[in-house]
């Protein structure tokens, strides 16, 4: 099955001719707001082979959003690790369990203050290359 994933990187490369990240791309707009994109880069090079959903907030005091976790769909992961850091760069939480649940406490069980925390996530699904993700999660109390 040929699936094409359109990313802002592709469109940015269309706007800047010197971009080296998109191989031979073309775009054309008709009279409608629909844009047709053709590329010689195979879809497999853009599809990581798995789906990962990383939410950006947690509210331990709520009934519906009381833990932070990642939703993963794909082959079994040979490598998985998630780490959370506070605003001073201290590692407050780490897990190698893909089914982890962070409840807003540090590794010693102390409730963390409301604020923004950085996460770093590393995953390698079986037979695929290792990927690293980082971002922020907001803790709301």
Protein backbone atom coordinates (compact mmCIF):
# COMPACT_ATOMS: atom_id res chain seq x y z
CA UNK A 1 0.00 0.00 0.00
CA UNK A 2 1.39 3.42 -0.91
CA UNK A 3 0.68 5.97 1.80
CA UNK A 4 2.08 9.45 1.63
CA UNK A 5 2.57 11.50 4.76
CA UNK A 6 2.62 15.25 4.29
CA UNK A 7 4.69 17.12 6.82
CA UNK A 8 5.50 20.78 7.29
CA UNK A 9 9.12 19.90 6.45
CA UNK A 10 8.03 18.92 2.96
CA UNK A 11 6.16 22.19 2.45
CA UNK A 12 9.05 24.20 3.91
CA UNK A 13 11.34 22.56 1.37
CA UNK A 14 8.99 23.56 -1.41
CA UNK A 15 9.27 27.18 -0.31
CA UNK A 16 13.06 27.13 0.01
CA UNK A 17 14.74 25.69 -3.11
CA UNK A 18 18.04 25.08 -1.29
CA UNK A 19 16.43 22.60 1.13
CA UNK A 20 18.09 19.20 0.95
CA UNK A 21 15.56 17.25 3.02
CA UNK A 22 12.95 16.59 0.34
CA UNK A 23 13.97 14.74 -2.79
CA UNK A 24 12.49 16.10 -6.05
CA UNK A 25 9.15 17.39 -4.79
CA UNK A 26 6.49 19.19 -6.78
CA UNK A 27 3.34 20.93 -5.63
CA UNK A 28 0.48 22.36 -7.60
CA UNK A 29 -2.60 24.23 -6.44
CA UNK A 30 -5.77 24.25 -8.52
CA UNK A 31 -8.56 26.81 -8.20
CA UNK A 32 -9.64 25.08 -5.00
CA UNK A 33 -7.72 25.15 -1.71
CA UNK A 34 -6.54 21.57 -2.33
CA UNK A 35 -2.80 21.11 -2.84
CA UNK A 36 -1.50 18.11 -4.76
CA UNK A 37 1.98 16.97 -3.83
CA UNK A 38 4.03 14.49 -5.84
CA UNK A 39 7.33 13.19 -4.60
CA UNK A 40 9.83 10.61 -5.76
CA UNK A 41 10.73 9.81 -2.16
CA UNK A 42 9.03 6.55 -1.17
CA UNK A 43 6.48 6.77 1.64
CA UNK A 44 8.39 4.16 3.65
CA UNK A 45 11.19 6.65 4.27
CA UNK A 46 8.71 9.00 5.96
CA UNK A 47 6.60 6.40 7.82
CA UNK A 48 8.41 5.33 11.01
CA UNK A 49 6.50 2.01 11.09
CA UNK A 50 4.67 2.73 14.34
CA UNK A 51 2.34 5.24 15.98
CA UNK A 52 3.20 7.16 19.13
CA UNK A 53 0.91 9.58 20.95
CA UNK A 54 2.53 11.76 23.62
CA UNK A 55 0.10 14.01 25.52
CA UNK A 56 1.26 17.42 26.72
CA UNK A 57 -0.53 17.75 30.07
CA UNK A 58 -1.45 15.91 33.26
CA UNK A 59 -3.74 16.88 36.12
CA UNK A 60 -3.27 14.46 39.05
CA UNK A 61 -6.28 15.95 40.87
CA UNK A 62 -8.72 15.21 38.03
CA UNK A 63 -10.63 12.00 37.42
CA UNK A 64 -9.87 11.72 33.71
CA UNK A 65 -6.31 13.01 33.25
CA UNK A 66 -4.65 11.92 36.49
CA UNK A 67 -1.65 10.08 34.99
CA UNK A 68 0.67 10.82 32.07
CA UNK A 69 1.44 7.99 29.68
CA UNK A 70 2.38 7.36 26.06
CA UNK A 71 0.14 5.44 23.67
CA UNK A 72 2.15 3.17 21.36
CA UNK A 73 0.92 1.05 18.44
CA UNK A 74 3.45 -1.00 16.56
CA UNK A 75 5.76 -4.01 16.79
CA UNK A 76 7.08 -4.97 20.25
CA UNK A 77 9.70 -2.48 21.42
CA UNK A 78 13.21 -3.84 22.02
CA UNK A 79 14.23 -0.56 23.66
CA UNK A 80 12.02 1.87 25.57
CA UNK A 81 12.93 4.53 28.09
CA UNK A 82 11.20 7.70 29.21
CA UNK A 83 12.75 10.30 31.52
CA UNK A 84 11.19 13.43 33.02
CA UNK A 85 13.17 16.46 34.18
CA UNK A 86 12.19 19.45 36.30
CA UNK A 87 12.98 23.07 35.40
CA UNK A 88 16.49 22.74 36.88
CA UNK A 89 17.34 19.71 34.77
CA UNK A 90 17.07 17.19 37.61
CA UNK A 91 15.82 13.78 36.49
CA UNK A 92 12.68 13.26 38.58
CA UNK A 93 11.28 10.15 36.91
CA UNK A 94 12.56 7.36 34.67
CA UNK A 95 10.94 4.18 33.38
CA UNK A 96 11.82 1.46 30.90
CA UNK A 97 8.28 0.01 31.05
CA UNK A 98 6.31 0.94 27.93
CA UNK A 99 3.13 0.76 30.04
CA UNK A 100 4.41 3.33 32.58
CA UNK A 101 2.07 5.75 34.34
CA UNK A 102 3.45 9.00 35.81
CA UNK A 103 1.23 10.46 38.49
CA UNK A 104 3.06 13.75 39.06
CA UNK A 105 5.44 12.43 41.73
CA UNK A 106 9.22 12.11 41.62
CA UNK A 107 11.02 8.76 41.97
CA UNK A 108 10.86 8.97 45.79
CA UNK A 109 7.09 9.62 45.84
CA UNK A 110 7.15 13.39 46.45
CA UNK A 111 4.38 15.30 44.65
CA UNK A 112 5.89 17.73 42.15
CA UNK A 113 4.88 21.37 41.85
CA UNK A 114 2.58 22.64 39.14
CA UNK A 115 4.64 23.63 36.10
CA UNK A 116 6.29 22.46 32.91
CA UNK A 117 8.51 19.38 32.78
CA UNK A 118 10.71 18.16 29.94
CA UNK A 119 10.53 14.58 28.75
CA UNK A 120 13.00 12.54 26.73
CA UNK A 121 11.77 9.32 25.19
CA UNK A 122 13.76 6.67 23.35
CA UNK A 123 12.11 3.78 21.52
CA UNK A 124 13.27 1.05 19.17
CA UNK A 125 10.52 -1.18 17.83
CA UNK A 126 11.70 -4.66 16.84
CA UNK A 127 13.29 -4.54 13.39
CA UNK A 128 13.19 -0.74 13.13
CA UNK A 129 15.69 2.01 13.87
CA UNK A 130 15.88 3.68 17.27
CA UNK A 131 14.02 7.00 17.57
CA UNK A 132 14.33 9.74 20.16
CA UNK A 133 11.66 12.26 21.07
CA UNK A 134 11.66 15.17 23.49
CA UNK A 135 9.16 17.78 24.50
CA UNK A 136 7.24 19.23 27.41
CA UNK A 137 4.40 18.11 29.61
CA UNK A 138 2.50 20.56 31.81
CA UNK A 139 1.55 19.45 35.32
CA UNK A 140 -1.68 21.12 36.46
CA UNK A 141 -2.83 20.84 40.09
